[in-house]
Amino acid sequence: MGQTDSQFKAFIRFILDDIKELQTETDEEKKAAKVEKIIDNLQKTLED
């Protein structure tokens, strides 16, 4: 079963919010951890 347009837009909003948060992170270790978390979440989404 696929997503509705609204569900897809909500998913994109979450990803966009995470990326915007990355822009403000100054600690390189925290930034790297956040990038890994985003990548992991995207990979899990693809596997579902």
N, C-alpha and C. Protein backbone atom coordinates (compact mmCIF):
# COMPACT_ATOMS: atom_id res chain seq x y z
N MET A 1 0.85 -1.19 0.00
CA MET A 1 0.00 0.00 0.00
C MET A 1 0.89 1.24 0.00
N GLY A 2 0.61 2.19 -0.85
CA GLY A 2 1.41 3.39 -0.99
C GLY A 2 1.00 4.49 -0.03
N GLN A 3 1.75 5.56 -0.11
CA GLN A 3 1.47 6.72 0.73
C GLN A 3 0.57 7.69 -0.01
N THR A 4 -0.15 8.46 0.76
CA THR A 4 -0.90 9.56 0.16
C THR A 4 0.06 10.72 -0.03
N ASP A 5 -0.35 11.69 -0.80
CA ASP A 5 0.48 12.89 -0.99
C ASP A 5 0.75 13.57 0.35
N SER A 6 -0.24 13.63 1.21
CA SER A 6 -0.08 14.27 2.52
C SER A 6 0.94 13.53 3.38
N GLN A 7 0.91 12.21 3.35
CA GLN A 7 1.87 11.44 4.13
C GLN A 7 3.28 11.64 3.59
N PHE A 8 3.42 11.66 2.27
CA PHE A 8 4.72 11.88 1.67
C PHE A 8 5.26 13.26 2.02
N LYS A 9 4.41 14.27 1.95
CA LYS A 9 4.83 15.63 2.30
C LYS A 9 5.25 15.71 3.76
N ALA A 10 4.55 15.02 4.64
CA ALA A 10 4.92 15.01 6.06
C ALA A 10 6.29 14.37 6.24
N PHE A 11 6.55 13.29 5.53
CA PHE A 11 7.85 12.62 5.59
C PHE A 11 8.95 13.58 5.14
N ILE A 12 8.72 14.28 4.03
CA ILE A 12 9.70 15.25 3.53
C ILE A 12 9.94 16.36 4.55
N ARG A 13 8.87 16.81 5.21
CA ARG A 13 9.02 17.85 6.24
C ARG A 13 9.93 17.39 7.37
N PHE A 14 9.77 16.13 7.80
CA PHE A 14 10.63 15.59 8.86
C PHE A 14 12.09 15.59 8.42
N ILE A 15 12.35 15.13 7.20
CA ILE A 15 13.71 15.09 6.69
C ILE A 15 14.29 16.50 6.56
N LEU A 16 13.50 17.41 6.02
CA LEU A 16 13.94 18.79 5.86
C LEU A 16 14.26 19.42 7.22
N ASP A 17 13.44 19.17 8.21
CA ASP A 17 13.66 19.68 9.55
C ASP A 17 14.98 19.15 10.12
N ASP A 18 15.23 17.86 9.92
CA ASP A 18 16.49 17.26 10.40
C ASP A 18 17.70 17.89 9.71
N ILE A 19 17.59 18.14 8.42
CA ILE A 19 18.71 18.73 7.67
C ILE A 19 18.94 20.17 8.10
N LYS A 20 17.87 20.92 8.33
CA LYS A 20 18.01 22.30 8.81
C LYS A 20 18.69 22.32 10.18
N GLU A 21 18.34 21.36 11.02
CA GLU A 21 18.97 21.25 12.34
C GLU A 21 20.47 20.98 12.18
N LEU A 22 20.82 20.19 11.20
CA LEU A 22 22.24 19.90 10.93
C LEU A 22 23.02 21.17 10.60
N GLN A 23 22.40 22.07 9.87
CA GLN A 23 23.08 23.31 9.48
C GLN A 23 23.51 24.14 10.68
N THR A 24 22.79 24.04 11.77
CA THR A 24 23.10 24.86 12.94
C THR A 24 24.03 24.17 13.92
N GLU A 25 24.29 22.88 13.71
CA GLU A 25 25.14 22.12 14.63
C GLU A 25 26.60 22.50 14.40
N THR A 26 27.28 22.87 15.47
CA THR A 26 28.69 23.27 15.35
C THR A 26 29.65 22.17 15.80
N ASP A 27 29.19 21.28 16.65
CA ASP A 27 30.02 20.18 17.12
C ASP A 27 30.09 19.11 16.03
N GLU A 28 31.29 18.86 15.53
CA GLU A 28 31.46 17.93 14.41
C GLU A 28 31.04 16.50 14.75
N GLU A 29 31.27 16.07 15.97
CA GLU A 29 30.86 14.71 16.38
C GLU A 29 29.35 14.59 16.40
N LYS A 30 28.68 15.60 16.94
CA LYS A 30 27.21 15.59 16.97
C LYS A 30 26.66 15.66 15.56
N LYS A 31 27.28 16.46 14.72
CA LYS A 31 26.84 16.59 13.34
C LYS A 31 26.95 15.24 12.62
N ALA A 32 28.07 14.57 12.80
CA ALA A 32 28.28 13.27 12.17
C ALA A 32 27.25 12.25 12.67
N ALA A 33 26.95 12.29 13.96
CA ALA A 33 25.96 11.37 14.52
C ALA A 33 24.57 11.64 13.94
N LYS A 34 24.24 12.90 13.77
CA LYS A 34 22.93 13.26 13.21
C LYS A 34 22.83 12.83 11.75
N VAL A 35 23.92 13.00 11.00
CA VAL A 35 23.93 12.56 9.60
C VAL A 35 23.71 11.05 9.54
N GLU A 36 24.39 10.31 10.40
CA GLU A 36 24.23 8.85 10.43
C GLU A 36 22.79 8.47 10.77
N LYS A 37 22.17 9.21 11.69
CA LYS A 37 20.79 8.93 12.06
C LYS A 37 19.84 9.17 10.88
N ILE A 38 20.05 10.27 10.15
CA ILE A 38 19.22 10.56 8.99
C ILE A 38 19.39 9.47 7.94
N ILE A 39 20.63 9.09 7.68
CA ILE A 39 20.91 8.03 6.70
C ILE A 39 20.24 6.73 7.12
N ASP A 40 20.37 6.39 8.39
CA ASP A 40 19.76 5.16 8.90
C ASP A 40 18.24 5.18 8.74
N ASN A 41 17.63 6.30 9.08
CA ASN A 41 16.17 6.42 8.96
C ASN A 41 15.73 6.32 7.50
N LEU A 42 16.48 6.94 6.60
CA LEU A 42 16.13 6.83 5.18
C LEU A 42 16.29 5.40 4.67
N GLN A 43 17.35 4.73 5.11
CA GLN A 43 17.57 3.35 4.68
C GLN A 43 16.44 2.45 5.20
N LYS A 44 16.05 2.63 6.45
CA LYS A 44 14.95 1.84 7.01
C LYS A 44 13.65 2.08 6.25
N THR A 45 13.43 3.33 5.84
CA THR A 45 12.23 3.66 5.09
C THR A 45 12.22 2.94 3.74
N LEU A 46 13.38 2.87 3.10
CA LEU A 46 13.47 2.18 1.82
C LEU A 46 13.22 0.67 1.97
N GLU A 47 13.61 0.11 3.10
CA GLU A 47 13.49 -1.32 3.32
C GLU A 47 12.08 -1.74 3.75
N ASP A 48 11.29 -0.80 4.21
CA ASP A 48 9.92 -1.12 4.66
C ASP A 48 9.02 -1.45 3.51
